[in-house]
Amino acid sequence: MASLVVDRIEDGIAVIELAVGQTFNVPLCMLPEGTHEGDVLAFCADGYSRKLDATALRAAEMRRRTERLFGCNGKGETTGR
């Protein structure tokens, strides 16, 4: 089962990114209720499902990268870099 990430949502269309960097569009109404940008999804026979644990891990990794790159915690607060 491939991991998919919601890159962005524009005008009711979710732009989904594959691990290889390719993107495709899916109407937001076809995704689980509450889907947001940055969510990790899986696709199976029943359709799309949100992977909350994977989304939380990905968000934590993005925060770590932001802190390492910019010396802040993503909220504009300096981390003493």
N, C-alpha and C. Protein backbone atom coordinates (compact mmCIF):
# COMPACT_ATOMS: atom_id res chain seq x y z
N MET A 1 0.85 -1.17 0.00
CA MET A 1 0.00 0.00 0.00
C MET A 1 0.90 1.24 0.00
N ALA A 2 0.72 2.11 -0.98
CA ALA A 2 1.57 3.29 -1.14
C ALA A 2 1.13 4.40 -0.19
N SER A 3 2.11 5.15 0.31
CA SER A 3 1.82 6.32 1.13
C SER A 3 1.58 7.50 0.22
N LEU A 4 0.58 8.25 0.54
CA LEU A 4 0.20 9.43 -0.21
C LEU A 4 0.12 10.59 0.77
N VAL A 5 0.52 11.77 0.33
CA VAL A 5 0.46 12.95 1.20
C VAL A 5 -0.36 14.03 0.52
N VAL A 6 -1.26 14.64 1.27
CA VAL A 6 -2.04 15.75 0.74
C VAL A 6 -1.12 16.97 0.73
N ASP A 7 -0.69 17.36 -0.46
CA ASP A 7 0.22 18.49 -0.61
C ASP A 7 -0.51 19.80 -0.36
N ARG A 8 -1.68 19.92 -0.99
CA ARG A 8 -2.47 21.15 -0.82
C ARG A 8 -3.90 20.88 -1.24
N ILE A 9 -4.78 21.79 -0.85
CA ILE A 9 -6.19 21.71 -1.23
C ILE A 9 -6.57 23.05 -1.84
N GLU A 10 -7.06 22.99 -3.07
CA GLU A 10 -7.43 24.20 -3.79
C GLU A 10 -8.80 24.02 -4.43
N ASP A 11 -9.73 24.88 -4.10
CA ASP A 11 -11.05 24.88 -4.74
C ASP A 11 -11.70 23.50 -4.73
N GLY A 12 -11.64 22.82 -3.59
CA GLY A 12 -12.30 21.52 -3.47
C GLY A 12 -11.54 20.37 -4.10
N ILE A 13 -10.31 20.60 -4.52
CA ILE A 13 -9.47 19.57 -5.12
C ILE A 13 -8.23 19.38 -4.24
N ALA A 14 -7.96 18.12 -3.87
CA ALA A 14 -6.75 17.81 -3.11
C ALA A 14 -5.66 17.40 -4.09
N VAL A 15 -4.50 18.02 -3.96
CA VAL A 15 -3.34 17.63 -4.75
C VAL A 15 -2.56 16.63 -3.90
N ILE A 16 -2.49 15.40 -4.39
CA ILE A 16 -1.87 14.30 -3.65
C ILE A 16 -0.48 14.04 -4.22
N GLU A 17 0.50 13.90 -3.32
CA GLU A 17 1.87 13.62 -3.76
C GLU A 17 2.25 12.19 -3.40
N LEU A 18 2.82 11.50 -4.39
CA LEU A 18 3.37 10.17 -4.17
C LEU A 18 4.79 10.30 -3.64
N ALA A 19 5.32 9.23 -3.07
CA ALA A 19 6.68 9.24 -2.52
C ALA A 19 7.71 9.59 -3.58
N VAL A 20 7.44 9.29 -4.84
CA VAL A 20 8.39 9.57 -5.92
C VAL A 20 8.31 11.00 -6.43
N GLY A 21 7.44 11.81 -5.83
CA GLY A 21 7.35 13.22 -6.20
C GLY A 21 6.28 13.54 -7.22
N GLN A 22 5.64 12.55 -7.79
CA GLN A 22 4.56 12.81 -8.73
C GLN A 22 3.31 13.22 -7.97
N THR A 23 2.47 14.01 -8.62
CA THR A 23 1.22 14.45 -7.99
C THR A 23 0.03 14.11 -8.88
N PHE A 24 -1.12 14.02 -8.23
CA PHE A 24 -2.37 13.86 -8.96
C PHE A 24 -3.48 14.50 -8.14
N ASN A 25 -4.59 14.79 -8.80
CA ASN A 25 -5.70 15.50 -8.16
C ASN A 25 -6.83 14.54 -7.81
N VAL A 26 -7.44 14.79 -6.66
CA VAL A 26 -8.59 14.01 -6.21
C VAL A 26 -9.62 15.01 -5.66
N PRO A 27 -10.87 14.90 -6.07
CA PRO A 27 -11.88 15.76 -5.46
C PRO A 27 -11.91 15.55 -3.94
N LEU A 28 -11.93 16.62 -3.20
CA LEU A 28 -11.91 16.54 -1.74
C LEU A 28 -13.06 15.70 -1.21
N CYS A 29 -14.19 15.71 -1.89
CA CYS A 29 -15.35 14.94 -1.44
C CYS A 29 -15.11 13.43 -1.49
N MET A 30 -14.05 12.99 -2.18
CA MET A 30 -13.73 11.56 -2.25
C MET A 30 -12.79 11.12 -1.12
N LEU A 31 -12.31 12.08 -0.34
CA LEU A 31 -11.40 11.78 0.76
C LEU A 31 -12.16 11.76 2.07
N PRO A 32 -11.58 11.13 3.09
CA PRO A 32 -12.27 11.07 4.39
C PRO A 32 -12.54 12.47 4.95
N GLU A 33 -13.65 12.60 5.63
CA GLU A 33 -14.00 13.87 6.26
C GLU A 33 -12.88 14.30 7.20
N GLY A 34 -12.55 15.56 7.18
CA GLY A 34 -11.51 16.09 8.05
C GLY A 34 -10.12 16.05 7.45
N THR A 35 -9.99 15.63 6.20
CA THR A 35 -8.68 15.59 5.55
C THR A 35 -8.13 17.00 5.41
N HIS A 36 -6.84 17.15 5.77
CA HIS A 36 -6.17 18.45 5.72
C HIS A 36 -4.87 18.33 4.93
N GLU A 37 -4.31 19.48 4.58
CA GLU A 37 -2.99 19.51 3.96
C GLU A 37 -1.99 18.88 4.92
N GLY A 38 -1.09 18.05 4.38
CA GLY A 38 -0.09 17.39 5.19
C GLY A 38 -0.51 16.01 5.68
N ASP A 39 -1.78 15.66 5.53
CA ASP A 39 -2.24 14.34 5.97
C ASP A 39 -1.62 13.24 5.11
N VAL A 40 -1.29 12.15 5.76
CA VAL A 40 -0.84 10.95 5.07
C VAL A 40 -2.07 10.07 4.86
N LEU A 41 -2.23 9.61 3.64
CA LEU A 41 -3.37 8.77 3.28
C LEU A 41 -2.89 7.42 2.76
N ALA A 42 -3.79 6.47 2.78
CA ALA A 42 -3.55 5.18 2.14
C ALA A 42 -4.74 4.93 1.22
N PHE A 43 -4.48 4.22 0.14
CA PHE A 43 -5.56 3.85 -0.77
C PHE A 43 -5.68 2.34 -0.79
N CYS A 44 -6.89 1.86 -0.59
CA CYS A 44 -7.15 0.42 -0.64
C CYS A 44 -8.49 0.21 -1.35
N ALA A 45 -8.96 -1.00 -1.35
CA ALA A 45 -10.19 -1.34 -2.06
C ALA A 45 -11.38 -0.51 -1.61
N ASP A 46 -11.39 -0.10 -0.35
CA ASP A 46 -12.50 0.69 0.19
C ASP A 46 -12.36 2.18 -0.07
N GLY A 47 -11.29 2.59 -0.70
CA GLY A 47 -11.05 4.01 -0.97
C GLY A 47 -9.89 4.52 -0.13
N TYR A 48 -9.92 5.80 0.17
CA TYR A 48 -8.84 6.44 0.92
C TYR A 48 -9.11 6.39 2.42
N SER A 49 -8.03 6.28 3.18
CA SER A 49 -8.15 6.37 4.64
C SER A 49 -7.02 7.26 5.16
N ARG A 50 -7.31 7.98 6.23
CA ARG A 50 -6.29 8.82 6.86
C ARG A 50 -5.44 7.97 7.77
N LYS A 51 -4.14 8.19 7.74
CA LYS A 51 -3.19 7.49 8.60
C LYS A 51 -2.71 8.49 9.64
N LEU A 52 -3.43 8.54 10.76
CA LEU A 52 -3.17 9.57 11.77
C LEU A 52 -1.79 9.43 12.40
N ASP A 53 -1.36 8.21 12.69
CA ASP A 53 -0.03 8.01 13.27
C ASP A 53 1.07 8.47 12.31
N ALA A 54 0.94 8.09 11.05
CA ALA A 54 1.93 8.48 10.04
C ALA A 54 1.93 9.99 9.84
N THR A 55 0.75 10.60 9.89
CA THR A 55 0.65 12.06 9.76
C THR A 55 1.35 12.75 10.92
N ALA A 56 1.16 12.25 12.14
CA ALA A 56 1.82 12.84 13.32
C ALA A 56 3.33 12.70 13.23
N LEU A 57 3.80 11.54 12.79
CA LEU A 57 5.25 11.34 12.64
C LEU A 57 5.83 12.28 11.58
N ARG A 58 5.11 12.43 10.49
CA ARG A 58 5.57 13.30 9.41
C ARG A 58 5.61 14.75 9.89
N ALA A 59 4.59 15.18 10.61
CA ALA A 59 4.55 16.55 11.13
C ALA A 59 5.70 16.81 12.10
N ALA A 60 6.00 15.83 12.95
CA ALA A 60 7.12 15.98 13.89
C ALA A 60 8.45 16.08 13.14
N GLU A 61 8.60 15.29 12.10
CA GLU A 61 9.83 15.35 11.30
C GLU A 61 9.95 16.70 10.59
N MET A 62 8.85 17.23 10.09
CA MET A 62 8.89 18.54 9.43
C MET A 62 9.26 19.63 10.43
N ARG A 63 8.75 19.53 11.67
CA ARG A 63 9.12 20.50 12.71
C ARG A 63 10.62 20.42 13.02
N ARG A 64 11.14 19.20 13.13
CA ARG A 64 12.57 19.02 13.40
C ARG A 64 13.41 19.62 12.27
N ARG A 65 13.00 19.39 11.04
CA ARG A 65 13.74 19.94 9.90
C ARG A 65 13.69 21.46 9.89
N THR A 66 12.53 22.03 10.19
CA THR A 66 12.39 23.48 10.24
C THR A 66 13.31 24.06 11.31
N GLU A 67 13.32 23.42 12.47
CA GLU A 67 14.17 23.89 13.57
C GLU A 67 15.64 23.81 13.19
N ARG A 68 16.02 22.71 12.58
CA ARG A 68 17.42 22.52 12.20
C ARG A 68 17.83 23.53 11.12
N LEU A 69 16.96 23.78 10.17
CA LEU A 69 17.27 24.66 9.06
C LEU A 69 17.25 26.13 9.43
N PHE A 70 16.22 26.55 10.18
CA PHE A 70 16.03 27.97 10.46
C PHE A 70 16.31 28.37 11.90
N GLY A 71 16.55 27.39 12.77
CA GLY A 71 16.82 27.73 14.16
C GLY A 71 15.59 28.22 14.90
N CYS A 72 14.41 27.78 14.45
CA CYS A 72 13.19 28.16 15.15
C CYS A 72 12.26 26.96 15.18
N ASN A 73 11.20 27.07 15.96
CA ASN A 73 10.32 25.93 16.17
C ASN A 73 9.10 25.93 15.27
N GLY A 74 9.09 26.71 14.22
CA GLY A 74 7.94 26.76 13.32
C GLY A 74 6.89 27.75 13.77
N LYS A 75 7.05 28.31 14.97
CA LYS A 75 6.12 29.31 15.49
C LYS A 75 6.79 30.67 15.58
N GLY A 76 7.99 30.76 14.98
CA GLY A 76 8.72 32.01 15.01
C GLY A 76 9.55 32.20 16.27
N GLU A 77 9.59 31.19 17.14
CA GLU A 77 10.36 31.29 18.39
C GLU A 77 11.74 30.68 18.17
N THR A 78 12.77 31.43 18.52
CA THR A 78 14.14 30.97 18.37
C THR A 78 14.41 29.85 19.37
N THR A 79 15.17 28.84 18.90
CA THR A 79 15.46 27.70 19.75
C THR A 79 16.89 27.73 20.29
N GLY A 80 17.58 28.84 20.11
CA GLY A 80 18.93 28.96 20.66
C GLY A 80 19.98 28.28 19.82
N ARG A 81 19.74 28.23 18.56
CA ARG A 81 20.65 27.60 17.61
C ARG A 81 22.00 28.21 17.59
